[in-house]
Amino acid sequence: MLHTHEYAHISDGFVEGTTVECPRHAGCFDFRTGEALNPPVCVNLRTFPVKVVDGAVYIDIDER
């Protein structure tokens, strides 16, 4: 598996608008699309469709 932000958890990153910043290297991603926005990140993140129904979050992780 290719990691674009090494062993840092992107969930620990700073979020502003629709961008999340990797806490290890400060590379930014658009969390709607997973697009890598600036160096040093160069590989897009994988994203999944989500929906909220009656307060429950559903994530479609189908391996298409």
N, C-alpha and C. Protein backbone atom coordinates (compact mmCIF):
# COMPACT_ATOMS: atom_id res chain seq x y z
N MET A 1 0.84 -1.18 0.00
CA MET A 1 0.00 0.00 0.00
C MET A 1 0.88 1.24 0.00
N LEU A 2 0.56 2.18 -0.83
CA LEU A 2 1.32 3.43 -0.93
C LEU A 2 0.73 4.45 0.03
N HIS A 3 1.56 5.01 0.88
CA HIS A 3 1.12 6.03 1.81
C HIS A 3 1.67 7.37 1.35
N THR A 4 0.79 8.33 1.20
CA THR A 4 1.27 9.65 0.78
C THR A 4 1.66 10.52 1.95
N HIS A 5 1.39 10.08 3.16
CA HIS A 5 1.74 10.88 4.33
C HIS A 5 2.43 10.03 5.39
N GLU A 6 3.19 9.04 4.95
CA GLU A 6 3.95 8.13 5.81
C GLU A 6 3.07 7.55 6.89
N TYR A 7 3.51 7.60 8.14
CA TYR A 7 2.78 6.92 9.21
C TYR A 7 1.94 7.84 10.06
N ALA A 8 1.74 9.05 9.62
CA ALA A 8 0.86 9.97 10.33
C ALA A 8 -0.59 9.65 9.96
N HIS A 9 -1.49 9.92 10.87
CA HIS A 9 -2.92 9.74 10.60
C HIS A 9 -3.48 11.05 10.05
N ILE A 10 -4.01 10.98 8.85
CA ILE A 10 -4.56 12.19 8.24
C ILE A 10 -5.74 12.72 9.06
N SER A 11 -6.37 11.83 9.84
CA SER A 11 -7.48 12.26 10.70
C SER A 11 -7.01 13.21 11.80
N ASP A 12 -5.70 13.26 12.07
CA ASP A 12 -5.14 14.19 13.06
C ASP A 12 -4.78 15.53 12.43
N GLY A 13 -5.00 15.66 11.12
CA GLY A 13 -4.60 16.87 10.42
C GLY A 13 -5.50 18.06 10.67
N PHE A 14 -5.00 19.24 10.35
CA PHE A 14 -5.73 20.50 10.47
C PHE A 14 -6.71 20.62 9.30
N VAL A 15 -7.96 20.93 9.59
CA VAL A 15 -8.99 21.07 8.55
C VAL A 15 -9.38 22.54 8.43
N GLU A 16 -9.38 23.01 7.18
CA GLU A 16 -9.87 24.35 6.90
C GLU A 16 -10.64 24.30 5.59
N GLY A 17 -11.89 24.70 5.63
CA GLY A 17 -12.73 24.61 4.45
C GLY A 17 -12.89 23.15 4.03
N THR A 18 -12.45 22.82 2.81
CA THR A 18 -12.53 21.44 2.31
C THR A 18 -11.15 20.82 2.19
N THR A 19 -10.18 21.37 2.93
CA THR A 19 -8.80 20.90 2.87
C THR A 19 -8.37 20.34 4.22
N VAL A 20 -7.63 19.24 4.17
CA VAL A 20 -7.03 18.69 5.38
C VAL A 20 -5.52 18.66 5.16
N GLU A 21 -4.78 19.11 6.18
CA GLU A 21 -3.32 19.17 6.10
C GLU A 21 -2.71 18.01 6.87
N CYS A 22 -1.81 17.29 6.24
CA CYS A 22 -1.12 16.18 6.89
C CYS A 22 -0.32 16.71 8.07
N PRO A 23 -0.48 16.11 9.27
CA PRO A 23 0.25 16.59 10.43
C PRO A 23 1.74 16.30 10.40
N ARG A 24 2.19 15.44 9.51
CA ARG A 24 3.62 15.10 9.45
C ARG A 24 4.40 15.98 8.48
N HIS A 25 3.87 16.19 7.27
CA HIS A 25 4.62 16.92 6.24
C HIS A 25 3.95 18.19 5.74
N ALA A 26 2.75 18.50 6.26
CA ALA A 26 2.02 19.71 5.89
C ALA A 26 1.52 19.71 4.45
N GLY A 27 1.53 18.56 3.78
CA GLY A 27 0.90 18.46 2.47
C GLY A 27 -0.60 18.50 2.64
N CYS A 28 -1.31 19.06 1.68
CA CYS A 28 -2.75 19.22 1.81
C CYS A 28 -3.51 18.39 0.78
N PHE A 29 -4.69 17.96 1.21
CA PHE A 29 -5.60 17.18 0.37
C PHE A 29 -6.98 17.81 0.41
N ASP A 30 -7.70 17.71 -0.69
CA ASP A 30 -9.12 18.06 -0.71
C ASP A 30 -9.86 16.83 -0.19
N PHE A 31 -10.50 16.92 0.98
CA PHE A 31 -11.10 15.71 1.55
C PHE A 31 -12.37 15.28 0.84
N ARG A 32 -12.92 16.11 -0.06
CA ARG A 32 -14.09 15.68 -0.85
C ARG A 32 -13.69 14.72 -1.95
N THR A 33 -12.51 14.96 -2.54
CA THR A 33 -12.09 14.17 -3.70
C THR A 33 -10.84 13.33 -3.43
N GLY A 34 -10.10 13.67 -2.37
CA GLY A 34 -8.84 13.00 -2.07
C GLY A 34 -7.66 13.57 -2.84
N GLU A 35 -7.89 14.59 -3.66
CA GLU A 35 -6.83 15.15 -4.50
C GLU A 35 -5.69 15.73 -3.66
N ALA A 36 -4.46 15.33 -4.02
CA ALA A 36 -3.25 15.90 -3.41
C ALA A 36 -3.08 17.31 -3.97
N LEU A 37 -2.99 18.31 -3.09
CA LEU A 37 -3.01 19.69 -3.53
C LEU A 37 -1.65 20.38 -3.58
N ASN A 38 -0.69 19.93 -2.79
CA ASN A 38 0.62 20.59 -2.81
C ASN A 38 1.70 19.64 -2.29
N PRO A 39 2.95 19.88 -2.71
CA PRO A 39 4.05 19.04 -2.24
C PRO A 39 4.20 19.13 -0.73
N PRO A 40 4.68 18.09 -0.10
CA PRO A 40 5.34 16.94 -0.69
C PRO A 40 4.40 15.81 -1.10
N VAL A 41 3.08 15.94 -0.83
CA VAL A 41 2.17 14.87 -1.23
C VAL A 41 1.98 14.89 -2.74
N CYS A 42 1.95 13.71 -3.35
CA CYS A 42 1.84 13.64 -4.80
C CYS A 42 0.90 12.54 -5.27
N VAL A 43 0.32 11.80 -4.33
CA VAL A 43 -0.62 10.73 -4.66
C VAL A 43 -1.95 11.05 -3.99
N ASN A 44 -3.02 10.98 -4.76
CA ASN A 44 -4.33 11.26 -4.21
C ASN A 44 -4.73 10.23 -3.17
N LEU A 45 -5.52 10.65 -2.18
CA LEU A 45 -6.08 9.74 -1.20
C LEU A 45 -7.32 9.06 -1.78
N ARG A 46 -7.59 7.88 -1.33
CA ARG A 46 -8.79 7.18 -1.75
C ARG A 46 -9.96 7.70 -0.92
N THR A 47 -11.09 7.96 -1.56
CA THR A 47 -12.27 8.44 -0.86
C THR A 47 -13.42 7.46 -1.05
N PHE A 48 -14.44 7.58 -0.21
CA PHE A 48 -15.59 6.69 -0.25
C PHE A 48 -16.87 7.51 -0.11
N PRO A 49 -17.94 7.07 -0.80
CA PRO A 49 -19.23 7.76 -0.65
C PRO A 49 -19.77 7.57 0.77
N VAL A 50 -20.33 8.63 1.34
CA VAL A 50 -20.93 8.55 2.67
C VAL A 50 -22.31 9.17 2.64
N LYS A 51 -23.15 8.74 3.58
CA LYS A 51 -24.45 9.39 3.77
C LYS A 51 -24.82 9.27 5.24
N VAL A 52 -25.65 10.20 5.70
CA VAL A 52 -26.13 10.20 7.08
C VAL A 52 -27.63 9.95 7.03
N VAL A 53 -28.08 8.93 7.76
CA VAL A 53 -29.49 8.59 7.84
C VAL A 53 -29.87 8.50 9.31
N ASP A 54 -30.79 9.35 9.74
CA ASP A 54 -31.25 9.37 11.14
C ASP A 54 -30.08 9.42 12.13
N GLY A 55 -29.06 10.22 11.82
CA GLY A 55 -27.93 10.39 12.71
C GLY A 55 -26.85 9.33 12.60
N ALA A 56 -27.06 8.30 11.78
CA ALA A 56 -26.05 7.25 11.58
C ALA A 56 -25.28 7.54 10.29
N VAL A 57 -23.97 7.35 10.34
CA VAL A 57 -23.11 7.59 9.18
C VAL A 57 -22.87 6.25 8.48
N TYR A 58 -23.16 6.21 7.17
CA TYR A 58 -22.94 5.01 6.36
C TYR A 58 -21.85 5.31 5.34
N ILE A 59 -20.87 4.41 5.26
CA ILE A 59 -19.75 4.55 4.33
C ILE A 59 -19.77 3.38 3.39
N ASP A 60 -19.79 3.66 2.07
CA ASP A 60 -19.78 2.60 1.07
C ASP A 60 -18.33 2.24 0.77
N ILE A 61 -17.87 1.12 1.33
CA ILE A 61 -16.47 0.69 1.16
C ILE A 61 -16.36 -0.46 0.16
N ASP A 62 -17.32 -0.55 -0.74
CA ASP A 62 -17.30 -1.60 -1.76
C ASP A 62 -16.00 -1.51 -2.54
N GLU A 63 -15.36 -2.63 -2.77
CA GLU A 63 -14.06 -2.70 -3.45
C GLU A 63 -14.17 -2.74 -4.97
N ARG A 64 -15.01 -2.06 -5.57
CA ARG A 64 -15.27 -2.05 -7.02
C ARG A 64 -14.07 -2.35 -7.83
